[in-house]
Amino acid sequence: MIKHLSTILITFGFIFPLFSLANGGDQRVLGSEYLINFARSPFTPIAGTKTAMLVSFVDLKTGKLIQDDILVNVRVGEGRGSKTFIHEEKDILVKGGVLEWSYTFTKPGIHELFFNFAFVSNPPKVYEPPDFLLDIQKPETPEKNNVLILVGIASVLISGIIGWLIGQKTRIK
């Protein structure tokens, strides 16, 4: 019974990778002092869908998150090399070196994100790490969703038939 269950689970593992959620991120080094880690979900944002982001600020000397309070400015530019920004938030207080932030991109295409920061103890000294580029995708059309549903139903049926056949084969022995 366990052997058959393993076979069925392995079959599902090969059939359903399309349905896994992808998260991921990028890193930028600022001089030899700080590392900025930028994680997001989904990894490739979709226009009109909220993107959850986690920005971690690491002190490279200690190898740990910055524990001092920092003020973060977030800017979103449309296109590479943007001189004007479609969204700005200033002086977001970050404690413990981690900024949780979300944003809904309205248009597909390349967008630039900037996460400048300063220590609360020395606000005039602003650190400006390199930007993060995101390729915002067009929203999926309903036809694609219908295809995914049909693929899912077909996969369940095929897996069920395979499981039933394996069960019949072992019953005969």
N, C-alpha and C. Protein backbone atom coordinates (compact mmCIF):
# COMPACT_ATOMS: atom_id res chain seq x y z
N MET A 1 0.83 -1.20 0.00
CA MET A 1 0.00 0.00 0.00
C MET A 1 0.87 1.26 0.00
N ILE A 2 1.93 1.27 0.83
CA ILE A 2 2.80 2.45 0.91
C ILE A 2 3.54 2.63 -0.41
N LYS A 3 3.92 1.52 -1.06
CA LYS A 3 4.61 1.61 -2.35
C LYS A 3 3.72 2.28 -3.38
N HIS A 4 2.44 1.94 -3.37
CA HIS A 4 1.49 2.52 -4.33
C HIS A 4 1.24 3.99 -4.03
N LEU A 5 1.16 4.32 -2.75
CA LEU A 5 0.98 5.70 -2.36
C LEU A 5 2.18 6.54 -2.80
N SER A 6 3.36 5.99 -2.65
CA SER A 6 4.58 6.68 -3.11
C SER A 6 4.55 6.91 -4.61
N THR A 7 4.11 5.90 -5.35
CA THR A 7 4.02 6.02 -6.81
C THR A 7 3.04 7.13 -7.20
N ILE A 8 1.92 7.16 -6.51
CA ILE A 8 0.91 8.19 -6.81
C ILE A 8 1.45 9.58 -6.47
N LEU A 9 2.11 9.72 -5.32
CA LEU A 9 2.66 11.01 -4.94
C LEU A 9 3.75 11.48 -5.91
N ILE A 10 4.59 10.56 -6.35
CA ILE A 10 5.63 10.91 -7.33
C ILE A 10 4.99 11.35 -8.64
N THR A 11 3.93 10.64 -9.06
CA THR A 11 3.22 11.01 -10.28
C THR A 11 2.66 12.43 -10.16
N PHE A 12 2.04 12.74 -9.02
CA PHE A 12 1.51 14.09 -8.80
C PHE A 12 2.64 15.11 -8.81
N GLY A 13 3.80 14.74 -8.26
CA GLY A 13 4.95 15.65 -8.25
C GLY A 13 5.39 16.05 -9.64
N PHE A 14 5.30 15.11 -10.59
CA PHE A 14 5.69 15.43 -11.97
C PHE A 14 4.60 16.18 -12.70
N ILE A 15 3.36 15.95 -12.33
CA ILE A 15 2.24 16.55 -13.05
C ILE A 15 1.95 17.97 -12.60
N PHE A 16 2.14 18.28 -11.32
CA PHE A 16 1.68 19.55 -10.78
C PHE A 16 2.75 20.62 -10.50
N PRO A 17 3.91 20.60 -11.15
CA PRO A 17 4.86 21.68 -10.84
C PRO A 17 4.35 23.06 -11.26
N LEU A 18 3.40 23.11 -12.18
CA LEU A 18 2.86 24.40 -12.63
C LEU A 18 2.12 25.12 -11.52
N PHE A 19 1.65 24.37 -10.53
CA PHE A 19 0.81 24.97 -9.51
C PHE A 19 1.59 25.41 -8.28
N SER A 20 2.91 25.24 -8.29
CA SER A 20 3.69 25.65 -7.13
C SER A 20 3.84 27.17 -7.15
N LEU A 21 3.93 27.75 -5.97
CA LEU A 21 4.11 29.20 -5.87
C LEU A 21 5.60 29.50 -5.86
N ALA A 22 5.99 30.49 -6.64
CA ALA A 22 7.41 30.83 -6.74
C ALA A 22 7.69 32.11 -5.98
N ASN A 23 8.66 32.02 -5.11
CA ASN A 23 9.14 33.18 -4.38
C ASN A 23 10.63 33.31 -4.69
N GLY A 24 11.15 34.47 -4.54
CA GLY A 24 12.58 34.60 -4.79
C GLY A 24 13.05 36.00 -4.51
N GLY A 25 14.33 36.23 -4.79
CA GLY A 25 14.84 37.54 -4.51
C GLY A 25 16.19 37.82 -5.14
N ASP A 26 16.67 39.03 -4.87
CA ASP A 26 17.94 39.51 -5.40
C ASP A 26 18.69 40.19 -4.27
N GLN A 27 19.99 40.40 -4.49
CA GLN A 27 20.80 41.08 -3.50
C GLN A 27 21.63 42.17 -4.16
N ARG A 28 21.87 43.23 -3.39
CA ARG A 28 22.74 44.30 -3.83
C ARG A 28 23.71 44.61 -2.70
N VAL A 29 24.97 44.84 -3.05
CA VAL A 29 25.98 45.19 -2.07
C VAL A 29 26.27 46.67 -2.20
N LEU A 30 26.31 47.33 -1.08
CA LEU A 30 26.57 48.76 -1.03
C LEU A 30 27.96 48.95 -0.43
N GLY A 31 28.93 49.19 -1.32
CA GLY A 31 30.32 49.28 -0.88
C GLY A 31 30.73 47.95 -0.27
N SER A 32 31.42 48.02 0.82
CA SER A 32 31.75 46.78 1.55
C SER A 32 31.07 46.79 2.90
N GLU A 33 30.07 47.68 3.04
CA GLU A 33 29.42 47.86 4.34
C GLU A 33 28.11 47.11 4.49
N TYR A 34 27.24 47.19 3.47
CA TYR A 34 25.89 46.70 3.65
C TYR A 34 25.44 45.82 2.47
N LEU A 35 24.56 44.90 2.80
CA LEU A 35 23.93 44.04 1.80
C LEU A 35 22.43 44.25 1.91
N ILE A 36 21.78 44.43 0.79
CA ILE A 36 20.33 44.59 0.76
C ILE A 36 19.77 43.37 0.03
N ASN A 37 18.95 42.62 0.71
CA ASN A 37 18.32 41.44 0.14
C ASN A 37 16.86 41.77 -0.14
N PHE A 38 16.44 41.55 -1.37
CA PHE A 38 15.09 41.91 -1.81
C PHE A 38 14.36 40.64 -2.25
N ALA A 39 13.39 40.22 -1.46
CA ALA A 39 12.59 39.03 -1.78
C ALA A 39 11.17 39.45 -2.10
N ARG A 40 10.53 38.69 -2.97
CA ARG A 40 9.17 39.05 -3.36
C ARG A 40 8.36 37.81 -3.70
N SER A 41 7.08 37.97 -3.58
CA SER A 41 6.16 36.90 -3.94
C SER A 41 4.94 37.53 -4.59
N PRO A 42 4.64 37.17 -5.81
CA PRO A 42 5.34 36.19 -6.65
C PRO A 42 6.67 36.77 -7.15
N PHE A 43 7.58 35.88 -7.54
CA PHE A 43 8.91 36.30 -7.99
C PHE A 43 8.80 37.22 -9.20
N THR A 44 7.94 36.87 -10.15
CA THR A 44 7.68 37.73 -11.30
C THR A 44 6.31 38.36 -11.10
N PRO A 45 6.28 39.63 -10.68
CA PRO A 45 5.00 40.28 -10.39
C PRO A 45 4.09 40.39 -11.62
N ILE A 46 2.80 40.44 -11.36
CA ILE A 46 1.78 40.55 -12.40
C ILE A 46 1.04 41.86 -12.20
N ALA A 47 0.86 42.61 -13.27
CA ALA A 47 0.15 43.89 -13.19
C ALA A 47 -1.25 43.66 -12.63
N GLY A 48 -1.63 44.52 -11.67
CA GLY A 48 -2.95 44.42 -11.07
C GLY A 48 -3.03 43.46 -9.89
N THR A 49 -1.94 42.78 -9.59
CA THR A 49 -1.91 41.83 -8.47
C THR A 49 -0.91 42.33 -7.43
N LYS A 50 -1.30 42.32 -6.17
CA LYS A 50 -0.41 42.79 -5.11
C LYS A 50 0.83 41.90 -5.03
N THR A 51 1.99 42.56 -4.95
CA THR A 51 3.26 41.87 -4.77
C THR A 51 3.76 42.13 -3.36
N ALA A 52 3.95 41.06 -2.59
CA ALA A 52 4.48 41.19 -1.23
C ALA A 52 6.00 41.19 -1.31
N MET A 53 6.63 42.11 -0.60
CA MET A 53 8.09 42.25 -0.67
C MET A 53 8.67 42.30 0.73
N LEU A 54 9.86 41.75 0.84
CA LEU A 54 10.60 41.75 2.09
C LEU A 54 12.01 42.24 1.77
N VAL A 55 12.40 43.35 2.38
CA VAL A 55 13.71 43.93 2.13
C VAL A 55 14.50 43.84 3.43
N SER A 56 15.64 43.13 3.37
CA SER A 56 16.49 42.94 4.55
C SER A 56 17.76 43.76 4.38
N PHE A 57 18.15 44.43 5.45
CA PHE A 57 19.35 45.26 5.45
C PHE A 57 20.37 44.59 6.37
N VAL A 58 21.50 44.18 5.80
CA VAL A 58 22.50 43.41 6.54
C VAL A 58 23.79 44.20 6.65
N ASP A 59 24.37 44.19 7.85
CA ASP A 59 25.69 44.79 8.08
C ASP A 59 26.72 43.73 7.72
N LEU A 60 27.51 43.98 6.70
CA LEU A 60 28.49 42.97 6.24
C LEU A 60 29.62 42.75 7.25
N LYS A 61 29.88 43.74 8.10
CA LYS A 61 30.94 43.56 9.10
C LYS A 61 30.55 42.52 10.14
N THR A 62 29.29 42.53 10.54
CA THR A 62 28.82 41.57 11.56
C THR A 62 28.17 40.35 10.93
N GLY A 63 27.71 40.50 9.68
CA GLY A 63 27.00 39.40 9.02
C GLY A 63 25.59 39.23 9.54
N LYS A 64 25.08 40.25 10.23
CA LYS A 64 23.74 40.17 10.82
C LYS A 64 22.89 41.34 10.33
N LEU A 65 21.57 41.21 10.53
CA LEU A 65 20.66 42.29 10.19
C LEU A 65 21.04 43.54 10.98
N ILE A 66 20.86 44.69 10.36
CA ILE A 66 21.11 45.96 11.04
C ILE A 66 20.11 46.08 12.18
N GLN A 67 20.62 46.26 13.37
CA GLN A 67 19.75 46.35 14.54
C GLN A 67 19.36 47.79 14.88
N ASP A 68 20.14 48.75 14.40
CA ASP A 68 19.80 50.15 14.63
C ASP A 68 18.57 50.51 13.80
N ASP A 69 17.77 51.43 14.33
CA ASP A 69 16.60 51.88 13.58
C ASP A 69 17.07 52.63 12.33
N ILE A 70 16.41 52.34 11.20
CA ILE A 70 16.74 53.03 9.96
C ILE A 70 15.47 53.61 9.34
N LEU A 71 15.66 54.64 8.54
CA LEU A 71 14.57 55.25 7.78
C LEU A 71 14.78 54.88 6.31
N VAL A 72 13.76 54.31 5.71
CA VAL A 72 13.87 53.84 4.33
C VAL A 72 12.95 54.67 3.45
N ASN A 73 13.49 55.07 2.28
CA ASN A 73 12.70 55.73 1.24
C ASN A 73 12.55 54.73 0.10
N VAL A 74 11.31 54.50 -0.32
CA VAL A 74 11.03 53.58 -1.42
C VAL A 74 10.54 54.39 -2.60
N ARG A 75 11.15 54.13 -3.76
CA ARG A 75 10.72 54.79 -4.99
C ARG A 75 10.54 53.74 -6.08
N VAL A 76 9.47 53.89 -6.84
CA VAL A 76 9.18 52.98 -7.95
C VAL A 76 9.19 53.81 -9.23
N GLY A 77 10.02 53.39 -10.17
CA GLY A 77 10.09 54.07 -11.47
C GLY A 77 9.59 53.14 -12.56
N GLU A 78 8.97 53.73 -13.56
CA GLU A 78 8.48 52.95 -14.69
C GLU A 78 9.51 53.04 -15.81
N GLY A 79 10.05 51.90 -16.22
CA GLY A 79 11.08 51.88 -17.25
C GLY A 79 12.46 51.96 -16.62
N ARG A 80 13.46 51.60 -17.39
CA ARG A 80 14.85 51.63 -16.92
C ARG A 80 15.37 53.06 -17.01
N GLY A 81 16.08 53.51 -15.98
CA GLY A 81 16.64 54.86 -15.98
C GLY A 81 15.60 55.94 -15.76
N SER A 82 14.55 55.63 -15.01
CA SER A 82 13.48 56.59 -14.76
C SER A 82 13.99 57.81 -14.02
N LYS A 83 13.57 58.96 -14.46
CA LYS A 83 13.89 60.20 -13.77
C LYS A 83 12.72 60.68 -12.92
N THR A 84 11.54 60.19 -13.25
CA THR A 84 10.35 60.49 -12.45
C THR A 84 9.83 59.17 -11.90
N PHE A 85 9.13 59.27 -10.78
CA PHE A 85 8.69 58.06 -10.10
C PHE A 85 7.17 58.01 -10.04
N ILE A 86 6.65 56.80 -10.19
CA ILE A 86 5.20 56.62 -10.15
C ILE A 86 4.70 56.38 -8.73
N HIS A 87 5.65 56.11 -7.82
CA HIS A 87 5.28 55.91 -6.41
C HIS A 87 6.48 56.21 -5.53
N GLU A 88 6.24 56.92 -4.42
CA GLU A 88 7.29 57.20 -3.45
C GLU A 88 6.72 57.12 -2.05
N GLU A 89 7.50 56.54 -1.16
CA GLU A 89 7.18 56.54 0.27
C GLU A 89 8.45 56.95 0.99
N LYS A 90 8.32 57.91 1.90
CA LYS A 90 9.51 58.44 2.58
C LYS A 90 9.48 58.14 4.07
N ASP A 91 10.69 58.00 4.59
CA ASP A 91 10.91 57.86 6.03
C ASP A 91 10.09 56.74 6.67
N ILE A 92 10.13 55.57 6.08
CA ILE A 92 9.50 54.39 6.67
C ILE A 92 10.44 53.90 7.77
N LEU A 93 9.97 53.87 9.00
CA LEU A 93 10.81 53.44 10.11
C LEU A 93 10.93 51.91 10.09
N VAL A 94 12.17 51.43 10.06
CA VAL A 94 12.45 50.00 10.03
C VAL A 94 13.25 49.64 11.27
N LYS A 95 12.71 48.69 12.03
CA LYS A 95 13.38 48.20 13.24
C LYS A 95 13.78 46.75 12.99
N GLY A 96 14.99 46.40 13.39
CA GLY A 96 15.44 45.02 13.24
C GLY A 96 15.94 44.67 11.85
N GLY A 97 16.07 45.66 10.96
CA GLY A 97 16.68 45.43 9.66
C GLY A 97 15.81 44.81 8.59
N VAL A 98 14.48 44.70 8.83
CA VAL A 98 13.61 44.07 7.84
C VAL A 98 12.41 44.97 7.56
N LEU A 99 12.22 45.27 6.28
CA LEU A 99 11.07 46.06 5.82
C LEU A 99 10.09 45.13 5.10
N GLU A 100 8.87 45.05 5.61
CA GLU A 100 7.80 44.33 4.91
C GLU A 100 7.01 45.38 4.16
N TRP A 101 6.87 45.16 2.85
CA TRP A 101 6.24 46.17 2.02
C TRP A 101 5.48 45.48 0.90
N SER A 102 4.40 46.08 0.43
CA SER A 102 3.68 45.52 -0.71
C SER A 102 3.28 46.64 -1.65
N TYR A 103 3.11 46.25 -2.90
CA TYR A 103 2.77 47.23 -3.93
C TYR A 103 2.05 46.51 -5.07
N THR A 104 1.09 47.20 -5.66
CA THR A 104 0.39 46.67 -6.82
C THR A 104 0.81 47.48 -8.04
N PHE A 105 1.52 46.83 -8.94
CA PHE A 105 1.94 47.49 -10.18
C PHE A 105 0.74 47.56 -11.11
N THR A 106 0.50 48.74 -11.68
CA THR A 106 -0.69 48.90 -12.52
C THR A 106 -0.44 48.56 -13.98
N LYS A 107 0.82 48.69 -14.43
CA LYS A 107 1.12 48.44 -15.84
C LYS A 107 2.21 47.39 -15.97
N PRO A 108 2.14 46.57 -17.03
CA PRO A 108 3.24 45.64 -17.29
C PRO A 108 4.46 46.39 -17.82
N GLY A 109 5.61 45.73 -17.78
CA GLY A 109 6.85 46.31 -18.29
C GLY A 109 7.92 46.37 -17.22
N ILE A 110 9.07 46.95 -17.58
CA ILE A 110 10.19 47.06 -16.66
C ILE A 110 9.93 48.18 -15.66
N HIS A 111 10.20 47.88 -14.40
CA HIS A 111 10.09 48.86 -13.33
C HIS A 111 11.37 48.82 -12.50
N GLU A 112 11.75 49.98 -11.98
CA GLU A 112 12.92 50.09 -11.11
C GLU A 112 12.46 50.38 -9.69
N LEU A 113 13.08 49.70 -8.73
CA LEU A 113 12.78 49.96 -7.32
C LEU A 113 14.05 50.40 -6.62
N PHE A 114 13.93 51.44 -5.83
CA PHE A 114 15.05 51.98 -5.06
C PHE A 114 14.68 51.92 -3.59
N PHE A 115 15.61 51.45 -2.76
CA PHE A 115 15.42 51.39 -1.32
C PHE A 115 16.59 52.13 -0.66
N ASN A 116 16.52 53.47 -0.62
CA ASN A 116 17.56 54.28 0.03
C ASN A 116 17.28 54.28 1.53
N PHE A 117 18.35 54.36 2.32
CA PHE A 117 18.13 54.35 3.77
C PHE A 117 19.15 55.22 4.49
N ALA A 118 18.76 55.60 5.70
CA ALA A 118 19.62 56.36 6.59
C ALA A 118 19.36 55.87 8.01
N PHE A 119 20.38 55.97 8.84
CA PHE A 119 20.20 55.61 10.24
C PHE A 119 19.47 56.74 10.96
N VAL A 120 18.57 56.37 11.85
CA VAL A 120 17.84 57.38 12.62
C VAL A 120 18.82 58.25 13.40
N SER A 121 19.93 57.66 13.83
CA SER A 121 20.94 58.41 14.58
C SER A 121 21.73 59.40 13.72
N ASN A 122 21.66 59.26 12.38
CA ASN A 122 22.39 60.17 11.47
C ASN A 122 21.61 60.32 10.16
N PRO A 123 20.42 60.95 10.19
CA PRO A 123 19.57 61.02 9.00
C PRO A 123 20.16 61.74 7.78
N PRO A 124 21.09 62.70 7.94
CA PRO A 124 21.63 63.35 6.73
C PRO A 124 22.46 62.42 5.85
N LYS A 125 23.07 61.38 6.43
CA LYS A 125 23.89 60.45 5.63
C LYS A 125 22.97 59.38 5.04
N VAL A 126 22.67 59.51 3.75
CA VAL A 126 21.76 58.59 3.07
C VAL A 126 22.56 57.59 2.25
N TYR A 127 22.24 56.31 2.43
CA TYR A 127 22.87 55.24 1.67
C TYR A 127 21.98 54.92 0.48
N GLU A 128 22.59 54.86 -0.70
CA GLU A 128 21.83 54.64 -1.93
C GLU A 128 22.32 53.39 -2.64
N PRO A 129 21.75 52.23 -2.29
CA PRO A 129 22.15 51.00 -2.97
C PRO A 129 21.67 50.98 -4.42
N PRO A 130 22.27 50.14 -5.26
CA PRO A 130 21.80 50.02 -6.64
C PRO A 130 20.33 49.61 -6.69
N ASP A 131 19.69 49.96 -7.80
CA ASP A 131 18.26 49.67 -7.96
C ASP A 131 18.01 48.18 -8.18
N PHE A 132 16.76 47.81 -8.06
CA PHE A 132 16.29 46.47 -8.39
C PHE A 132 15.35 46.60 -9.58
N LEU A 133 15.59 45.79 -10.61
CA LEU A 133 14.73 45.81 -11.79
C LEU A 133 13.73 44.68 -11.72
N LEU A 134 12.49 44.98 -12.04
CA LEU A 134 11.43 43.97 -12.09
C LEU A 134 10.75 44.03 -13.45
N ASP A 135 10.46 42.87 -13.99
CA ASP A 135 9.71 42.77 -15.25
C ASP A 135 8.28 42.39 -14.89
N ILE A 136 7.40 43.37 -14.89
CA ILE A 136 6.00 43.15 -14.51
C ILE A 136 5.28 42.54 -15.72
N GLN A 137 4.60 41.44 -15.48
CA GLN A 137 3.92 40.71 -16.55
C GLN A 137 2.47 41.16 -16.70
N LYS A 138 1.94 40.95 -17.89
CA LYS A 138 0.52 41.22 -18.14
C LYS A 138 -0.30 40.21 -17.36
N PRO A 139 -1.50 40.60 -16.92
CA PRO A 139 -2.36 39.63 -16.24
C PRO A 139 -2.72 38.48 -17.18
N GLU A 140 -2.87 37.29 -16.60
CA GLU A 140 -3.25 36.13 -17.41
C GLU A 140 -4.67 36.30 -17.92
N THR A 141 -4.90 35.79 -19.10
CA THR A 141 -6.25 35.83 -19.66
C THR A 141 -7.06 34.66 -19.10
N PRO A 142 -8.37 34.79 -19.04
CA PRO A 142 -9.20 33.71 -18.50
C PRO A 142 -9.02 32.38 -19.24
N GLU A 143 -8.69 32.43 -20.55
CA GLU A 143 -8.51 31.18 -21.28
C GLU A 143 -7.39 30.35 -20.67
N LYS A 144 -6.30 31.00 -20.24
CA LYS A 144 -5.19 30.27 -19.64
C LYS A 144 -5.63 29.59 -18.35
N ASN A 145 -6.46 30.28 -17.56
CA ASN A 145 -6.94 29.68 -16.33
C ASN A 145 -7.79 28.45 -16.62
N ASN A 146 -8.61 28.51 -17.67
CA ASN A 146 -9.42 27.36 -18.04
C ASN A 146 -8.55 26.19 -18.47
N VAL A 147 -7.48 26.48 -19.19
CA VAL A 147 -6.56 25.43 -19.63
C VAL A 147 -5.91 24.77 -18.41
N LEU A 148 -5.50 25.58 -17.44
CA LEU A 148 -4.89 25.03 -16.23
C LEU A 148 -5.87 24.15 -15.46
N ILE A 149 -7.11 24.55 -15.41
CA ILE A 149 -8.12 23.73 -14.74
C ILE A 149 -8.30 22.41 -15.47
N LEU A 150 -8.35 22.45 -16.80
CA LEU A 150 -8.49 21.22 -17.57
C LEU A 150 -7.28 20.32 -17.41
N VAL A 151 -6.07 20.91 -17.39
CA VAL A 151 -4.86 20.12 -17.18
C VAL A 151 -4.91 19.46 -15.80
N GLY A 152 -5.36 20.21 -14.80
CA GLY A 152 -5.47 19.67 -13.45
C GLY A 152 -6.45 18.51 -13.36
N ILE A 153 -7.61 18.66 -13.99
CA ILE A 153 -8.62 17.59 -13.97
C ILE A 153 -8.09 16.37 -14.70
N ALA A 154 -7.45 16.58 -15.86
CA ALA A 154 -6.90 15.45 -16.62
C ALA A 154 -5.81 14.75 -15.81
N SER A 155 -4.99 15.52 -15.10
CA SER A 155 -3.92 14.92 -14.29
C SER A 155 -4.49 14.08 -13.16
N VAL A 156 -5.52 14.56 -12.52
CA VAL A 156 -6.16 13.80 -11.45
C VAL A 156 -6.73 12.50 -12.00
N LEU A 157 -7.41 12.58 -13.14
CA LEU A 157 -7.98 11.38 -13.74
C LEU A 157 -6.90 10.37 -14.13
N ILE A 158 -5.84 10.85 -14.76
CA ILE A 158 -4.75 9.95 -15.17
C ILE A 158 -4.10 9.32 -13.95
N SER A 159 -3.85 10.12 -12.92
CA SER A 159 -3.24 9.58 -11.70
C SER A 159 -4.16 8.55 -11.05
N GLY A 160 -5.45 8.83 -11.05
CA GLY A 160 -6.41 7.87 -10.49
C GLY A 160 -6.41 6.56 -11.25
N ILE A 161 -6.37 6.63 -12.56
CA ILE A 161 -6.34 5.41 -13.38
C ILE A 161 -5.06 4.63 -13.14
N ILE A 162 -3.92 5.33 -13.06
CA ILE A 162 -2.64 4.67 -12.80
C ILE A 162 -2.69 3.97 -11.44
N GLY A 163 -3.20 4.69 -10.42
CA GLY A 163 -3.32 4.09 -9.09
C GLY A 163 -4.23 2.88 -9.10
N TRP A 164 -5.35 2.97 -9.81
CA TRP A 164 -6.28 1.85 -9.88
C TRP A 164 -5.63 0.66 -10.57
N LEU A 165 -4.90 0.91 -11.67
CA LEU A 165 -4.22 -0.18 -12.38
C LEU A 165 -3.15 -0.84 -11.51
N ILE A 166 -2.40 -0.05 -10.78
CA ILE A 166 -1.39 -0.61 -9.89
C ILE A 166 -2.06 -1.45 -8.81
N GLY A 167 -3.16 -0.96 -8.29
CA GLY A 167 -3.91 -1.71 -7.28
C GLY A 167 -4.44 -3.03 -7.83
N GLN A 168 -4.94 -3.01 -9.06
CA GLN A 168 -5.45 -4.24 -9.68
C GLN A 168 -4.32 -5.23 -9.92
N LYS A 169 -3.17 -4.74 -10.32
CA LYS A 169 -2.03 -5.60 -10.62
C LYS A 169 -1.56 -6.31 -9.34
N THR A 170 -1.50 -5.61 -8.23
CA THR A 170 -1.03 -6.23 -6.99
C THR A 170 -2.10 -7.16 -6.41
N ARG A 171 -3.35 -6.89 -6.69
CA ARG A 171 -4.42 -7.76 -6.20
C ARG A 171 -4.40 -9.10 -6.88
N ILE A 172 -3.99 -9.13 -8.17
CA ILE A 172 -3.95 -10.36 -8.96
C ILE A 172 -2.87 -11.26 -8.42
N LYS A 173 -1.75 -10.75 -8.00
CA LYS A 173 -0.62 -11.56 -7.49
C LYS A 173 -1.03 -12.14 -6.20
